[in-house]
Amino acid sequence: MQISAESEAVLCHLDKVTDGALRKRDDLGALLEIGAITAAADEFNTLVFNGKACWNVYGVLRKTPPADEKFHVVEKEFGERLQALREALLFFAANAEVKLNERWQQVYLGMGQGTARNLIDLAQDLARLKDLQNEHKHGSAGS
């Protein structure tokens, strides 16, 4: 998929603020582009919100010992957040080029452990994008 100069600028800025730590940069670029082409601001914001929520709950889950009485509650919440992210991604897959849609079906939309890991990686990138949106909306402490 051809990425516009505007989407590339967002990716470059994210690269800069994350020290090049984006895990799914190309897919994030495609998501930005599909959102722009389809004028799907609400769908994109839902995707970013669900990515940030998924990443946050994943962070809590990683820190919660399995013996902790709250582990199963956090684990359940993580599963729900992962599913919400998967559902939000469906819109973008449906509007992607055929080849990209097929790859996303395998990489993100399947039900295997590998797809969960890929969704977590994408969630991290979306969380970073959400943080950037919040910094620009509310201003950062260093601005």
N, C-alpha and C. Protein backbone atom coordinates (compact mmCIF):
# COMPACT_ATOMS: atom_id res chain seq x y z
N MET A 1 0.85 -1.18 0.00
CA MET A 1 0.00 0.00 0.00
C MET A 1 0.89 1.23 0.00
N GLN A 2 0.53 2.17 -0.85
CA GLN A 2 1.24 3.43 -0.93
C GLN A 2 0.87 4.29 0.29
N ILE A 3 1.86 4.79 0.98
CA ILE A 3 1.64 5.63 2.16
C ILE A 3 1.83 7.09 1.77
N SER A 4 0.87 7.92 2.13
CA SER A 4 0.94 9.35 1.80
C SER A 4 2.02 10.04 2.64
N ALA A 5 2.38 11.23 2.20
CA ALA A 5 3.37 12.03 2.92
C ALA A 5 2.89 12.34 4.34
N GLU A 6 1.60 12.57 4.49
CA GLU A 6 1.05 12.89 5.81
C GLU A 6 1.18 11.70 6.77
N SER A 7 0.81 10.52 6.29
CA SER A 7 0.92 9.33 7.13
C SER A 7 2.37 9.02 7.43
N GLU A 8 3.24 9.20 6.45
CA GLU A 8 4.67 8.96 6.65
C GLU A 8 5.23 9.93 7.69
N ALA A 9 4.74 11.17 7.68
CA ALA A 9 5.20 12.16 8.66
C ALA A 9 4.82 11.73 10.08
N VAL A 10 3.62 11.19 10.24
CA VAL A 10 3.19 10.69 11.56
C VAL A 10 4.10 9.55 11.98
N LEU A 11 4.37 8.62 11.06
CA LEU A 11 5.23 7.48 11.38
C LEU A 11 6.64 7.93 11.74
N CYS A 12 7.17 8.89 11.00
CA CYS A 12 8.51 9.40 11.29
C CYS A 12 8.57 10.05 12.66
N HIS A 13 7.52 10.79 13.00
CA HIS A 13 7.48 11.43 14.32
C HIS A 13 7.40 10.36 15.41
N LEU A 14 6.59 9.34 15.19
CA LEU A 14 6.52 8.24 16.15
C LEU A 14 7.86 7.52 16.27
N ASP A 15 8.53 7.32 15.14
CA ASP A 15 9.86 6.73 15.17
C ASP A 15 10.79 7.54 16.06
N LYS A 16 10.71 8.85 15.90
CA LYS A 16 11.58 9.75 16.67
C LYS A 16 11.29 9.66 18.17
N VAL A 17 10.02 9.74 18.54
CA VAL A 17 9.69 9.76 19.97
C VAL A 17 9.80 8.38 20.63
N THR A 18 9.84 7.32 19.81
CA THR A 18 9.95 5.97 20.37
C THR A 18 11.34 5.38 20.13
N ASP A 19 12.25 6.19 19.64
CA ASP A 19 13.60 5.72 19.29
C ASP A 19 13.55 4.53 18.34
N GLY A 20 12.64 4.59 17.38
CA GLY A 20 12.53 3.54 16.37
C GLY A 20 12.00 2.22 16.89
N ALA A 21 11.24 2.27 17.98
CA ALA A 21 10.78 1.03 18.62
C ALA A 21 9.39 0.57 18.18
N LEU A 22 8.86 1.13 17.09
CA LEU A 22 7.56 0.65 16.62
C LEU A 22 7.70 -0.80 16.18
N ARG A 23 6.76 -1.62 16.57
CA ARG A 23 6.82 -3.05 16.27
C ARG A 23 6.13 -3.40 14.95
N LYS A 24 5.11 -2.66 14.61
CA LYS A 24 4.32 -2.95 13.41
C LYS A 24 4.16 -1.67 12.59
N ARG A 25 5.29 -1.04 12.30
CA ARG A 25 5.30 0.27 11.63
C ARG A 25 4.54 0.25 10.31
N ASP A 26 4.82 -0.72 9.46
CA ASP A 26 4.18 -0.76 8.14
C ASP A 26 2.66 -0.92 8.26
N ASP A 27 2.23 -1.77 9.18
CA ASP A 27 0.79 -1.96 9.37
C ASP A 27 0.15 -0.72 9.97
N LEU A 28 0.84 -0.05 10.87
CA LEU A 28 0.32 1.20 11.42
C LEU A 28 0.18 2.24 10.31
N GLY A 29 1.15 2.29 9.41
CA GLY A 29 1.05 3.21 8.28
C GLY A 29 -0.14 2.88 7.39
N ALA A 30 -0.35 1.60 7.15
CA ALA A 30 -1.51 1.20 6.33
C ALA A 30 -2.81 1.56 7.03
N LEU A 31 -2.86 1.40 8.34
CA LEU A 31 -4.07 1.76 9.09
C LEU A 31 -4.33 3.26 9.01
N LEU A 32 -3.26 4.05 9.17
CA LEU A 32 -3.40 5.50 9.03
C LEU A 32 -3.93 5.86 7.65
N GLU A 33 -3.38 5.22 6.64
CA GLU A 33 -3.76 5.52 5.26
C GLU A 33 -5.20 5.12 4.98
N ILE A 34 -5.60 3.94 5.41
CA ILE A 34 -6.98 3.49 5.20
C ILE A 34 -7.95 4.42 5.93
N GLY A 35 -7.59 4.80 7.14
CA GLY A 35 -8.44 5.74 7.88
C GLY A 35 -8.60 7.05 7.16
N ALA A 36 -7.53 7.55 6.56
CA ALA A 36 -7.59 8.82 5.83
C ALA A 36 -8.38 8.67 4.53
N ILE A 37 -8.09 7.61 3.78
CA ILE A 37 -8.76 7.40 2.49
C ILE A 37 -10.27 7.23 2.66
N THR A 38 -10.68 6.52 3.70
CA THR A 38 -12.10 6.25 3.90
C THR A 38 -12.79 7.30 4.77
N ALA A 39 -12.03 8.32 5.19
CA ALA A 39 -12.56 9.37 6.07
C ALA A 39 -13.21 8.74 7.30
N ALA A 40 -12.53 7.76 7.86
CA ALA A 40 -13.08 6.99 8.98
C ALA A 40 -12.45 7.42 10.30
N ALA A 41 -12.62 8.68 10.65
CA ALA A 41 -12.03 9.20 11.88
C ALA A 41 -12.57 8.47 13.11
N ASP A 42 -13.86 8.24 13.15
CA ASP A 42 -14.44 7.56 14.32
C ASP A 42 -13.91 6.14 14.44
N GLU A 43 -13.84 5.43 13.33
CA GLU A 43 -13.34 4.06 13.35
C GLU A 43 -11.86 4.02 13.74
N PHE A 44 -11.10 5.01 13.24
CA PHE A 44 -9.68 5.06 13.59
C PHE A 44 -9.51 5.37 15.07
N ASN A 45 -10.28 6.31 15.58
CA ASN A 45 -10.19 6.64 17.00
C ASN A 45 -10.59 5.45 17.87
N THR A 46 -11.59 4.69 17.43
CA THR A 46 -11.98 3.47 18.15
C THR A 46 -10.85 2.46 18.15
N LEU A 47 -10.20 2.30 17.01
CA LEU A 47 -9.06 1.39 16.91
C LEU A 47 -7.93 1.81 17.86
N VAL A 48 -7.60 3.08 17.84
CA VAL A 48 -6.51 3.59 18.69
C VAL A 48 -6.89 3.44 20.17
N PHE A 49 -8.12 3.78 20.51
CA PHE A 49 -8.57 3.64 21.90
C PHE A 49 -8.46 2.19 22.36
N ASN A 50 -8.94 1.27 21.51
CA ASN A 50 -8.89 -0.15 21.89
C ASN A 50 -7.46 -0.67 21.96
N GLY A 51 -6.60 -0.16 21.09
CA GLY A 51 -5.19 -0.54 21.18
C GLY A 51 -4.56 -0.09 22.49
N LYS A 52 -4.83 1.15 22.87
CA LYS A 52 -4.29 1.69 24.13
C LYS A 52 -4.85 0.92 25.32
N ALA A 53 -6.14 0.64 25.32
CA ALA A 53 -6.76 -0.10 26.43
C ALA A 53 -6.17 -1.51 26.52
N CYS A 54 -6.01 -2.15 25.39
CA CYS A 54 -5.46 -3.50 25.36
C CYS A 54 -4.02 -3.49 25.91
N TRP A 55 -3.22 -2.55 25.47
CA TRP A 55 -1.83 -2.45 25.92
C TRP A 55 -1.76 -2.19 27.43
N ASN A 56 -2.63 -1.32 27.93
CA ASN A 56 -2.63 -1.02 29.36
C ASN A 56 -2.99 -2.25 30.19
N VAL A 57 -4.01 -2.96 29.79
CA VAL A 57 -4.43 -4.15 30.53
C VAL A 57 -3.36 -5.24 30.43
N TYR A 58 -2.73 -5.35 29.27
CA TYR A 58 -1.64 -6.32 29.10
C TYR A 58 -0.51 -6.02 30.08
N GLY A 59 -0.20 -4.74 30.26
CA GLY A 59 0.84 -4.35 31.22
C GLY A 59 0.49 -4.77 32.64
N VAL A 60 -0.76 -4.62 33.02
CA VAL A 60 -1.21 -5.05 34.35
C VAL A 60 -1.14 -6.57 34.46
N LEU A 61 -1.57 -7.25 33.42
CA LEU A 61 -1.56 -8.72 33.42
C LEU A 61 -0.15 -9.26 33.60
N ARG A 62 0.81 -8.66 32.90
CA ARG A 62 2.20 -9.11 33.01
C ARG A 62 2.75 -8.95 34.41
N LYS A 63 2.26 -7.97 35.14
CA LYS A 63 2.76 -7.69 36.49
C LYS A 63 1.99 -8.44 37.58
N THR A 64 0.88 -9.07 37.21
CA THR A 64 0.04 -9.75 38.19
C THR A 64 0.44 -11.22 38.28
N PRO A 65 0.86 -11.66 39.45
CA PRO A 65 1.23 -13.07 39.60
C PRO A 65 0.00 -13.97 39.42
N PRO A 66 0.16 -15.12 38.76
CA PRO A 66 -0.98 -16.03 38.57
C PRO A 66 -1.65 -16.45 39.87
N ALA A 67 -0.91 -16.44 40.96
CA ALA A 67 -1.48 -16.82 42.26
C ALA A 67 -2.35 -15.72 42.86
N ASP A 68 -2.22 -14.50 42.35
CA ASP A 68 -2.99 -13.37 42.86
C ASP A 68 -4.47 -13.62 42.57
N GLU A 69 -5.32 -13.31 43.54
CA GLU A 69 -6.76 -13.54 43.38
C GLU A 69 -7.37 -12.70 42.25
N LYS A 70 -6.71 -11.59 41.88
CA LYS A 70 -7.22 -10.72 40.82
C LYS A 70 -6.73 -11.13 39.44
N PHE A 71 -5.85 -12.11 39.37
CA PHE A 71 -5.26 -12.51 38.09
C PHE A 71 -6.33 -12.88 37.07
N HIS A 72 -7.31 -13.68 37.48
CA HIS A 72 -8.32 -14.14 36.53
C HIS A 72 -9.22 -13.00 36.04
N VAL A 73 -9.44 -12.02 36.91
CA VAL A 73 -10.22 -10.86 36.50
C VAL A 73 -9.45 -10.06 35.45
N VAL A 74 -8.17 -9.85 35.69
CA VAL A 74 -7.34 -9.11 34.74
C VAL A 74 -7.19 -9.90 33.44
N GLU A 75 -7.04 -11.20 33.55
CA GLU A 75 -6.91 -12.06 32.38
C GLU A 75 -8.18 -11.99 31.52
N LYS A 76 -9.32 -12.00 32.16
CA LYS A 76 -10.60 -11.90 31.45
C LYS A 76 -10.71 -10.55 30.76
N GLU A 77 -10.35 -9.49 31.47
CA GLU A 77 -10.40 -8.14 30.90
C GLU A 77 -9.45 -8.03 29.70
N PHE A 78 -8.29 -8.64 29.82
CA PHE A 78 -7.35 -8.62 28.71
C PHE A 78 -7.95 -9.31 27.48
N GLY A 79 -8.57 -10.46 27.67
CA GLY A 79 -9.22 -11.16 26.56
C GLY A 79 -10.29 -10.30 25.90
N GLU A 80 -11.05 -9.58 26.71
CA GLU A 80 -12.09 -8.70 26.17
C GLU A 80 -11.49 -7.54 25.39
N ARG A 81 -10.41 -6.96 25.91
CA ARG A 81 -9.74 -5.84 25.23
C ARG A 81 -9.10 -6.32 23.92
N LEU A 82 -8.53 -7.50 23.94
CA LEU A 82 -7.93 -8.08 22.73
C LEU A 82 -9.00 -8.30 21.66
N GLN A 83 -10.15 -8.79 22.08
CA GLN A 83 -11.26 -9.01 21.14
C GLN A 83 -11.79 -7.68 20.60
N ALA A 84 -11.88 -6.67 21.43
CA ALA A 84 -12.33 -5.35 20.98
C ALA A 84 -11.37 -4.78 19.94
N LEU A 85 -10.08 -4.97 20.16
CA LEU A 85 -9.08 -4.52 19.19
C LEU A 85 -9.24 -5.28 17.88
N ARG A 86 -9.42 -6.57 17.97
CA ARG A 86 -9.62 -7.41 16.78
C ARG A 86 -10.86 -6.94 16.00
N GLU A 87 -11.93 -6.66 16.70
CA GLU A 87 -13.16 -6.21 16.05
C GLU A 87 -12.99 -4.84 15.40
N ALA A 88 -12.26 -3.94 16.05
CA ALA A 88 -12.01 -2.62 15.47
C ALA A 88 -11.15 -2.74 14.22
N LEU A 89 -10.27 -3.70 14.19
CA LEU A 89 -9.39 -3.91 13.05
C LEU A 89 -10.15 -4.46 11.83
N LEU A 90 -11.28 -5.10 12.06
CA LEU A 90 -12.06 -5.68 10.96
C LEU A 90 -12.44 -4.63 9.90
N PHE A 91 -12.82 -3.44 10.34
CA PHE A 91 -13.19 -2.38 9.41
C PHE A 91 -12.03 -2.08 8.46
N PHE A 92 -10.83 -1.98 9.02
CA PHE A 92 -9.65 -1.63 8.23
C PHE A 92 -9.25 -2.77 7.30
N ALA A 93 -9.38 -3.99 7.77
CA ALA A 93 -9.09 -5.14 6.91
C ALA A 93 -10.06 -5.18 5.74
N ALA A 94 -11.32 -4.88 6.00
CA ALA A 94 -12.33 -4.91 4.94
C ALA A 94 -12.08 -3.83 3.90
N ASN A 95 -11.43 -2.75 4.29
CA ASN A 95 -11.16 -1.64 3.37
C ASN A 95 -9.73 -1.66 2.82
N ALA A 96 -8.98 -2.68 3.15
CA ALA A 96 -7.61 -2.80 2.67
C ALA A 96 -7.58 -3.47 1.30
N GLU A 97 -6.47 -3.30 0.61
CA GLU A 97 -6.26 -4.02 -0.63
C GLU A 97 -6.32 -5.52 -0.33
N VAL A 98 -6.68 -6.30 -1.32
CA VAL A 98 -6.91 -7.74 -1.14
C VAL A 98 -5.70 -8.43 -0.49
N LYS A 99 -4.52 -8.15 -1.00
CA LYS A 99 -3.31 -8.80 -0.49
C LYS A 99 -3.07 -8.45 0.99
N LEU A 100 -3.27 -7.19 1.33
CA LEU A 100 -3.10 -6.75 2.71
C LEU A 100 -4.18 -7.36 3.61
N ASN A 101 -5.40 -7.39 3.13
CA ASN A 101 -6.49 -8.00 3.88
C ASN A 101 -6.17 -9.46 4.19
N GLU A 102 -5.70 -10.19 3.20
CA GLU A 102 -5.37 -11.61 3.40
C GLU A 102 -4.27 -11.77 4.44
N ARG A 103 -3.26 -10.90 4.37
CA ARG A 103 -2.18 -10.98 5.36
C ARG A 103 -2.68 -10.65 6.76
N TRP A 104 -3.51 -9.62 6.86
CA TRP A 104 -4.06 -9.27 8.18
C TRP A 104 -4.96 -10.36 8.72
N GLN A 105 -5.67 -11.06 7.85
CA GLN A 105 -6.49 -12.18 8.31
C GLN A 105 -5.61 -13.22 9.01
N GLN A 106 -4.45 -13.47 8.46
CA GLN A 106 -3.53 -14.44 9.05
C GLN A 106 -2.81 -13.88 10.27
N VAL A 107 -2.33 -12.66 10.16
CA VAL A 107 -1.46 -12.07 11.18
C VAL A 107 -2.23 -11.61 12.42
N TYR A 108 -3.40 -10.99 12.23
CA TYR A 108 -4.11 -10.38 13.35
C TYR A 108 -5.48 -10.98 13.67
N LEU A 109 -6.14 -11.49 12.68
CA LEU A 109 -7.55 -11.82 12.88
C LEU A 109 -7.82 -13.29 13.12
N GLY A 110 -6.79 -14.11 13.12
CA GLY A 110 -6.95 -15.52 13.47
C GLY A 110 -7.09 -15.67 14.98
N MET A 111 -7.16 -16.89 15.43
CA MET A 111 -7.38 -17.12 16.86
C MET A 111 -6.20 -17.82 17.54
N GLY A 112 -5.07 -17.92 16.88
CA GLY A 112 -3.92 -18.60 17.46
C GLY A 112 -3.12 -17.72 18.40
N GLN A 113 -2.16 -18.33 19.08
CA GLN A 113 -1.31 -17.60 20.01
C GLN A 113 -0.45 -16.58 19.28
N GLY A 114 -0.03 -16.92 18.07
CA GLY A 114 0.76 -15.98 17.27
C GLY A 114 -0.01 -14.74 16.92
N THR A 115 -1.29 -14.89 16.61
CA THR A 115 -2.09 -13.72 16.28
C THR A 115 -2.29 -12.84 17.52
N ALA A 116 -2.41 -13.45 18.67
CA ALA A 116 -2.54 -12.66 19.90
C ALA A 116 -1.27 -11.85 20.12
N ARG A 117 -0.11 -12.46 19.91
CA ARG A 117 1.16 -11.75 20.08
C ARG A 117 1.27 -10.58 19.09
N ASN A 118 0.83 -10.83 17.84
CA ASN A 118 0.86 -9.76 16.84
C ASN A 118 -0.08 -8.62 17.22
N LEU A 119 -1.25 -8.96 17.75
CA LEU A 119 -2.18 -7.93 18.21
C LEU A 119 -1.60 -7.12 19.36
N ILE A 120 -0.88 -7.78 20.25
CA ILE A 120 -0.24 -7.07 21.36
C ILE A 120 0.81 -6.10 20.83
N ASP A 121 1.59 -6.54 19.84
CA ASP A 121 2.58 -5.65 19.24
C ASP A 121 1.90 -4.44 18.59
N LEU A 122 0.82 -4.69 17.85
CA LEU A 122 0.08 -3.60 17.23
C LEU A 122 -0.53 -2.69 18.31
N ALA A 123 -1.02 -3.29 19.39
CA ALA A 123 -1.60 -2.51 20.48
C ALA A 123 -0.56 -1.57 21.08
N GLN A 124 0.67 -2.04 21.20
CA GLN A 124 1.72 -1.17 21.73
C GLN A 124 1.93 0.04 20.83
N ASP A 125 1.98 -0.19 19.52
CA ASP A 125 2.15 0.93 18.59
C ASP A 125 0.96 1.87 18.64
N LEU A 126 -0.24 1.33 18.71
CA LEU A 126 -1.43 2.17 18.81
C LEU A 126 -1.45 2.96 20.11
N ALA A 127 -0.97 2.35 21.19
CA ALA A 127 -0.88 3.06 22.47
C ALA A 127 0.08 4.23 22.37
N ARG A 128 1.17 4.03 21.68
CA ARG A 128 2.13 5.13 21.49
C ARG A 128 1.51 6.25 20.65
N LEU A 129 0.73 5.87 19.65
CA LEU A 129 0.04 6.87 18.85
C LEU A 129 -0.97 7.62 19.70
N LYS A 130 -1.70 6.91 20.56
CA LYS A 130 -2.68 7.55 21.46
C LYS A 130 -1.97 8.52 22.41
N ASP A 131 -0.82 8.11 22.93
CA ASP A 131 -0.05 9.00 23.80
C ASP A 131 0.35 10.27 23.05
N LEU A 132 0.75 10.11 21.80
CA LEU A 132 1.13 11.26 20.98
C LEU A 132 -0.08 12.17 20.74
N GLN A 133 -1.23 11.57 20.45
CA GLN A 133 -2.46 12.35 20.28
C GLN A 133 -2.77 13.14 21.55
N ASN A 134 -2.64 12.48 22.69
CA ASN A 134 -2.94 13.15 23.96
C ASN A 134 -1.96 14.28 24.24
N GLU A 135 -0.69 14.07 23.91
CA GLU A 135 0.30 15.13 24.11
C GLU A 135 -0.05 16.35 23.26
N HIS A 136 -0.44 16.13 22.02
CA HIS A 136 -0.79 17.24 21.16
C HIS A 136 -2.09 17.90 21.56
N LYS A 137 -3.01 17.11 22.10
CA LYS A 137 -4.30 17.66 22.52
C LYS A 137 -4.17 18.47 23.81
N HIS A 138 -3.45 17.92 24.76
CA HIS A 138 -3.35 18.54 26.08
C HIS A 138 -2.05 19.26 26.32
N GLY A 139 -1.09 19.11 25.43
CA GLY A 139 0.23 19.68 25.63
C GLY A 139 1.03 18.79 26.57
N SER A 140 2.30 18.68 26.31
CA SER A 140 3.15 17.85 27.19
C SER A 140 3.86 18.73 28.18
N ALA A 141 4.36 18.11 29.23
CA ALA A 141 5.05 18.84 30.28
C ALA A 141 6.29 19.55 29.75
N GLY A 142 6.93 18.96 28.73
CA GLY A 142 8.14 19.53 28.19
C GLY A 142 7.91 20.56 27.09
N SER A 143 6.65 20.79 26.71
CA SER A 143 6.37 21.72 25.60
C SER A 143 6.41 23.15 26.05
